């Protein structure tokens, strides 16, 4: 089925605040939850018990909340939602990626005992940036020897049509292979959403059980589609989302986009075999070219999403 729509996909996930009462009752609720926690036999050999990790994360949550000013508009309030499931923690951060709270978050998660307990990490924030770019620099997260053996979901907010700033992964403009480093530390990753295309090294890490992969090109496609077509590292991939290079203000922007030949290579590849759903954001291919690709894999659910972010 081929569906074309001009509406944008909603990549925002609802915030599920683990403590949405007054600051005092929120702290009491979290402390009570920690007090009720019991270690299962499989966790009895941990050097640091799960309650200690919960305390570190709760302290982090309070520090982030305390940095908000009393007159901060609701849409700019920094916050961290923490949901514990068994021996792991699901984290949803909302804040400015240039702010102290973001650095605090990454530095805390880079502690080996904390990193080992993270099941999901979602990074989101307001439309704030510098020179039209919102840099989600995850270098501090990977700067230590810590690994993420339980991490199943890693999601960084993608650019939205009305945003003034392009979301990317990187300290400046380049991705610099950092997503390959994240993948190497995350053997159980199932869902990955990132606003920058990874380098070729991403496909050399080895097999990962990824089922859902959503990638925007950011400022460089890095031949993502062709590299994926040649890969054999994601045998369980079922849903693929790809956002084409979309710096339409540049006169030659089309030359930076993915060539049609790379899509032909992908649709005929073994890597694309298990994929049942493909969301294609802002392709430069016309309807006839898309239909030709669709004929290669008739059973594929293909959703084409187009939008314009130019100023009138």
Protein backbone atom coordinates (compact mmCIF):
# COMPACT_ATOMS: atom_id res chain seq x y z
CA UNK A 1 0.00 0.00 0.00
CA UNK A 2 1.38 3.41 -1.03
CA UNK A 3 0.19 6.31 1.06
CA UNK A 4 1.20 9.90 0.42
CA UNK A 5 0.55 12.64 2.92
CA UNK A 6 1.67 16.20 3.43
CA UNK A 7 1.30 15.95 7.19
CA UNK A 8 4.38 15.56 9.31
CA UNK A 9 4.94 12.58 11.55
CA UNK A 10 4.67 13.26 15.25
CA UNK A 11 7.93 12.09 16.78
CA UNK A 12 7.21 13.55 20.20
CA UNK A 13 6.51 11.05 22.90
CA UNK A 14 4.29 11.94 25.84
CA UNK A 15 6.03 12.76 29.06
CA UNK A 16 5.17 10.26 31.76
CA UNK A 17 6.30 11.93 34.91
CA UNK A 18 7.03 9.43 37.59
CA UNK A 19 6.46 12.16 40.22
CA UNK A 20 3.89 14.72 39.13
CA UNK A 21 2.85 15.97 42.56
CA UNK A 22 4.22 18.86 44.54
CA UNK A 23 8.03 18.80 44.94
CA UNK A 24 7.75 17.52 48.54
CA UNK A 25 5.22 14.77 47.79
CA UNK A 26 7.16 13.85 44.62
CA UNK A 27 10.31 13.26 46.64
CA UNK A 28 8.40 11.26 49.24
CA UNK A 29 6.78 9.14 46.54
CA UNK A 30 10.12 8.35 44.92
CA UNK A 31 11.78 7.60 48.26
CA UNK A 32 8.92 5.33 49.20
CA UNK A 33 9.29 3.51 45.88
CA UNK A 34 12.98 3.01 46.56
CA UNK A 35 12.24 1.72 50.04
CA UNK A 36 9.79 -0.83 48.62
CA UNK A 37 12.25 -2.10 46.02
CA UNK A 38 13.55 -5.61 46.53
CA UNK A 39 16.51 -7.18 44.76
CA UNK A 40 15.73 -10.34 42.82
CA UNK A 41 18.12 -13.33 43.14
CA UNK A 42 19.64 -12.51 39.75
CA UNK A 43 20.74 -9.12 41.10
CA UNK A 44 22.20 -10.34 44.39
CA UNK A 45 25.75 -10.26 43.07
CA UNK A 46 25.65 -6.61 41.98
CA UNK A 47 28.40 -4.49 43.53
CA UNK A 48 25.97 -1.56 43.89
CA UNK A 49 22.30 -2.38 44.61
CA UNK A 50 19.49 -1.06 42.43
CA UNK A 51 18.17 1.26 45.21
CA UNK A 52 21.48 3.14 45.09
CA UNK A 53 21.08 3.72 41.34
CA UNK A 54 17.50 4.86 41.95
CA UNK A 55 18.76 7.34 44.51
CA UNK A 56 21.33 8.74 42.07
CA UNK A 57 18.70 9.16 39.38
CA UNK A 58 16.24 10.77 41.80
CA UNK A 59 18.95 13.19 42.90
CA UNK A 60 19.59 14.00 39.23
CA UNK A 61 15.87 14.57 38.66
CA UNK A 62 15.73 17.00 41.58
CA UNK A 63 18.83 18.91 40.39
CA UNK A 64 17.32 19.32 36.92
CA UNK A 65 13.99 20.51 38.34
CA UNK A 66 15.72 22.95 40.71
CA UNK A 67 17.38 24.76 37.80
CA UNK A 68 14.02 26.01 36.52
CA UNK A 69 13.21 29.61 37.41
CA UNK A 70 9.86 30.43 38.96
CA UNK A 71 8.80 32.36 35.85
CA UNK A 72 9.99 29.79 33.30
CA UNK A 73 7.25 29.18 30.69
CA UNK A 74 5.84 25.66 30.79
CA UNK A 75 7.21 24.78 27.35
CA UNK A 76 10.75 25.51 28.57
CA UNK A 77 10.64 23.67 31.89
CA UNK A 78 13.47 21.17 32.13
CA UNK A 79 12.45 17.80 33.49
CA UNK A 80 13.40 14.17 33.79
CA UNK A 81 10.84 11.39 34.00
CA UNK A 82 12.06 8.15 35.61
CA UNK A 83 10.16 4.89 35.43
CA UNK A 84 11.65 1.78 37.00
CA UNK A 85 10.80 -1.60 35.50
CA UNK A 86 12.37 -4.48 37.38
CA UNK A 87 16.11 -3.89 37.61
CA UNK A 88 16.18 -1.23 34.86
CA UNK A 89 15.22 2.42 34.42
CA UNK A 90 13.44 4.22 31.59
CA UNK A 91 14.43 7.87 31.27
CA UNK A 92 12.72 10.69 29.39
CA UNK A 93 14.63 13.99 29.42
CA UNK A 94 13.21 17.28 28.22
CA UNK A 95 15.50 20.28 28.19
CA UNK A 96 18.00 22.46 26.35
CA UNK A 97 20.88 20.44 24.90
CA UNK A 98 23.22 23.41 25.59
CA UNK A 99 22.27 23.64 29.24
CA UNK A 100 23.98 22.44 32.41
CA UNK A 101 21.16 19.97 33.07
CA UNK A 102 21.89 18.11 29.85
CA UNK A 103 25.57 17.81 30.76
CA UNK A 104 24.57 16.65 34.24
CA UNK A 105 22.33 13.98 32.72
CA UNK A 106 25.01 12.57 30.41
CA UNK A 107 27.72 12.62 33.07
CA UNK A 108 25.47 10.74 35.50
CA UNK A 109 24.47 8.15 32.91
CA UNK A 110 28.12 7.62 32.01
CA UNK A 111 28.76 6.21 35.49
CA UNK A 112 29.22 2.46 34.90
CA UNK A 113 26.72 1.30 37.53
CA UNK A 114 24.07 3.72 36.25
CA UNK A 115 24.73 2.95 32.57
CA UNK A 116 24.27 -0.75 33.29
CA UNK A 117 20.76 -0.06 34.58
CA UNK A 118 19.36 2.09 31.74
CA UNK A 119 16.72 0.39 29.61
CA UNK A 120 15.57 3.37 27.56
CA UNK A 121 16.72 6.93 27.04
CA UNK A 122 14.68 9.62 25.28
CA UNK A 123 16.18 13.07 24.65
CA UNK A 124 13.83 15.93 23.73
CA UNK A 125 13.69 19.66 24.12
CA UNK A 126 12.38 23.05 22.99
CA UNK A 127 13.34 24.59 19.67
CA UNK A 128 16.55 26.18 20.93
CA UNK A 129 19.86 26.20 19.05
CA UNK A 130 22.84 28.16 17.78
CA UNK A 131 23.27 29.25 14.16
CA UNK A 132 20.18 27.27 13.20
CA UNK A 133 21.43 24.03 14.74
CA UNK A 134 20.40 22.09 17.82
CA UNK A 135 23.41 19.91 18.70
CA UNK A 136 22.71 16.81 20.75
CA UNK A 137 26.31 16.09 21.69
CA UNK A 138 26.40 12.61 23.28
CA UNK A 139 30.18 12.46 23.63
CA UNK A 140 30.07 12.71 27.47
CA UNK A 141 27.75 9.70 27.53
CA UNK A 142 30.40 7.58 25.81
CA UNK A 143 33.51 9.11 27.36
CA UNK A 144 33.95 6.45 30.05
CA UNK A 145 34.34 2.67 29.93
CA UNK A 146 30.67 2.27 30.81
CA UNK A 147 28.49 0.08 28.61
CA UNK A 148 24.71 -0.18 28.25
CA UNK A 149 23.94 -3.91 28.46
CA UNK A 150 20.21 -3.34 29.08
CA UNK A 151 19.61 -0.44 26.70
CA UNK A 152 16.78 -1.29 24.31
CA UNK A 153 15.56 2.16 23.21
CA UNK A 154 17.61 5.25 22.38
CA UNK A 155 15.71 8.17 20.89
CA UNK A 156 16.77 11.73 20.10
CA UNK A 157 14.11 14.17 18.97
CA UNK A 158 14.03 14.67 15.21
CA UNK A 159 13.59 18.04 13.51
CA UNK A 160 9.96 19.09 13.13
CA UNK A 161 8.58 21.12 10.19
CA UNK A 162 8.09 24.34 12.20
CA UNK A 163 11.45 24.19 14.01
CA UNK A 164 13.91 27.05 13.51
CA UNK A 165 16.86 24.78 14.33
CA UNK A 166 18.03 21.57 12.69
CA UNK A 167 18.48 18.76 15.21
CA UNK A 168 21.66 16.76 14.76
CA UNK A 169 23.96 14.41 16.66
CA UNK A 170 27.38 15.98 17.08
CA UNK A 171 29.50 18.46 18.95
CA UNK A 172 29.61 20.82 15.96
CA UNK A 173 28.14 19.71 12.62
CA UNK A 174 29.67 16.29 11.92
CA UNK A 175 28.44 12.99 13.38
CA UNK A 176 32.08 11.78 13.55
CA UNK A 177 31.22 8.10 14.01
CA UNK A 178 29.74 8.58 17.46
CA UNK A 179 26.64 6.50 16.69
CA UNK A 180 28.87 3.53 15.92
CA UNK A 181 30.41 3.95 19.36
CA UNK A 182 26.96 4.01 20.94
CA UNK A 183 25.95 0.88 19.04
CA UNK A 184 29.11 -0.92 20.15
CA UNK A 185 28.19 -0.29 23.79
CA UNK A 186 24.54 -1.38 23.36
CA UNK A 187 24.30 -5.08 22.44
CA UNK A 188 20.54 -5.32 23.15
CA UNK A 189 19.36 -2.22 21.28
CA UNK A 190 15.93 -2.72 19.69
CA UNK A 191 14.79 0.80 18.76
CA UNK A 192 16.98 3.66 17.56
CA UNK A 193 15.85 7.16 16.53
CA UNK A 194 18.51 9.73 15.61
CA UNK A 195 18.53 13.05 13.71
CA UNK A 196 21.88 12.45 11.97
CA UNK A 197 22.92 9.69 9.60
CA UNK A 198 25.61 7.41 11.03
CA UNK A 199 28.94 6.80 9.34
CA UNK A 200 29.94 3.57 7.62
CA UNK A 201 31.51 2.40 10.90
CA UNK A 202 27.96 2.01 12.26
CA UNK A 203 27.53 -1.04 10.03
CA UNK A 204 30.83 -2.63 11.09
CA UNK A 205 29.96 -3.03 14.78
CA UNK A 206 28.35 -6.43 14.33
CA UNK A 207 24.83 -7.80 14.48
CA UNK A 208 22.32 -6.02 16.68
CA UNK A 209 18.65 -6.98 17.28
CA UNK A 210 17.30 -3.62 16.05
CA UNK A 211 13.67 -3.86 14.95
CA UNK A 212 12.89 -0.15 14.54
CA UNK A 213 15.34 2.31 12.97
CA UNK A 214 14.44 5.96 12.33
CA UNK A 215 17.17 8.18 10.90
CA UNK A 216 17.24 11.71 9.51
CA UNK A 217 20.15 12.66 7.28
CA UNK A 218 20.94 15.81 9.23
CA UNK A 219 23.69 17.69 7.42
CA UNK A 220 25.18 14.66 5.64
CA UNK A 221 23.60 11.43 4.38
CA UNK A 222 26.98 9.67 4.75
CA UNK A 223 25.68 7.21 2.10
CA UNK A 224 23.39 5.74 4.75
CA UNK A 225 21.02 4.02 2.29
CA UNK A 226 23.82 2.40 0.30
CA UNK A 227 25.68 1.34 3.45
CA UNK A 228 22.51 -0.20 4.85
CA UNK A 229 21.91 -2.06 1.59
CA UNK A 230 25.36 -3.66 1.82
CA UNK A 231 25.06 -4.56 5.49
CA UNK A 232 24.08 -7.74 7.31
CA UNK A 233 24.02 -6.36 10.85
CA UNK A 234 20.26 -5.89 11.40
CA UNK A 235 18.58 -9.20 10.50
CA UNK A 236 15.52 -8.37 12.67
CA UNK A 237 14.83 -4.94 11.17
CA UNK A 238 11.09 -4.58 10.55
CA UNK A 239 10.43 -0.84 10.42
CA UNK A 240 12.71 1.68 8.71
CA UNK A 241 12.23 5.44 8.63
CA UNK A 242 14.52 7.68 6.64
CA UNK A 243 14.50 11.46 6.37
CA UNK A 244 16.29 12.70 3.26
CA UNK A 245 18.78 15.57 3.31
CA UNK A 246 16.53 18.62 3.38
CA UNK A 247 18.55 21.83 3.39
CA UNK A 248 16.34 23.21 0.61
CA UNK A 249 17.63 26.78 1.03
CA UNK A 250 20.85 25.68 -0.69
CA UNK A 251 20.87 26.07 -4.47
CA UNK A 252 22.58 22.70 -4.96
CA UNK A 253 20.87 20.81 -2.14
CA UNK A 254 19.71 18.04 -4.49
CA UNK A 255 23.33 17.08 -5.15
CA UNK A 256 23.68 16.28 -1.44
CA UNK A 257 20.65 13.98 -1.43
CA UNK A 258 20.65 10.20 -1.79
CA UNK A 259 20.92 9.10 -5.45
CA UNK A 260 18.04 7.07 -6.87
CA UNK A 261 20.50 4.23 -7.53
CA UNK A 262 21.10 3.82 -3.80
CA UNK A 263 17.39 3.28 -3.22
CA UNK A 264 17.30 0.70 -5.99
CA UNK A 265 20.20 -1.02 -4.31
CA UNK A 266 18.40 -0.99 -0.96
CA UNK A 267 15.06 -2.31 -2.25
CA UNK A 268 16.81 -5.26 -3.90
CA UNK A 269 19.11 -6.03 -0.98
CA UNK A 270 18.98 -8.84 1.56
CA UNK A 271 19.23 -6.21 4.30
CA UNK A 272 15.85 -4.81 3.24
CA UNK A 273 14.27 -8.26 3.10
CA UNK A 274 12.77 -8.37 6.63
CA UNK A 275 11.51 -4.76 6.45
CA UNK A 276 7.71 -4.56 6.25
CA UNK A 277 7.27 -0.81 6.79
CA UNK A 278 9.21 2.07 5.26
CA UNK A 279 8.52 5.71 6.11
CA UNK A 280 10.22 8.00 3.61
CA UNK A 281 10.48 11.65 4.58
CA UNK A 282 11.01 14.29 1.89
CA UNK A 283 12.27 12.12 -0.97
CA UNK A 284 13.43 13.89 -4.10
CA UNK A 285 12.15 10.99 -6.21
CA UNK A 286 8.99 11.66 -8.21
CA UNK A 287 5.83 9.56 -8.07
CA UNK A 288 6.83 7.35 -11.00
CA UNK A 289 10.23 6.60 -9.47
CA UNK A 290 8.62 5.78 -6.13
CA UNK A 291 6.10 3.48 -7.82
CA UNK A 292 8.96 1.72 -9.63
CA UNK A 293 10.70 1.07 -6.33
CA UNK A 294 7.48 -0.08 -4.73
CA UNK A 295 7.03 -2.68 -7.49
CA UNK A 296 10.27 -4.33 -6.39
CA UNK A 297 8.68 -5.10 -3.00
CA UNK A 298 4.87 -5.01 -3.47
CA UNK A 299 4.06 -6.17 0.07
CA UNK A 300 5.94 -3.25 1.63
CA UNK A 301 3.90 -0.65 3.53
CA UNK A 302 5.36 2.55 2.15
CA UNK A 303 4.47 5.94 3.62
CA UNK A 304 5.80 9.04 1.88
CA UNK A 305 5.84 12.21 3.96
CA UNK A 306 6.61 15.55 2.35
CA UNK A 307 6.72 18.97 3.98
CA UNK A 308 8.26 22.36 3.34
CA UNK A 309 10.07 24.39 5.99
CA UNK A 310 10.85 27.48 3.94
CA UNK A 311 9.93 30.98 5.08
CA UNK A 312 7.52 33.12 3.07
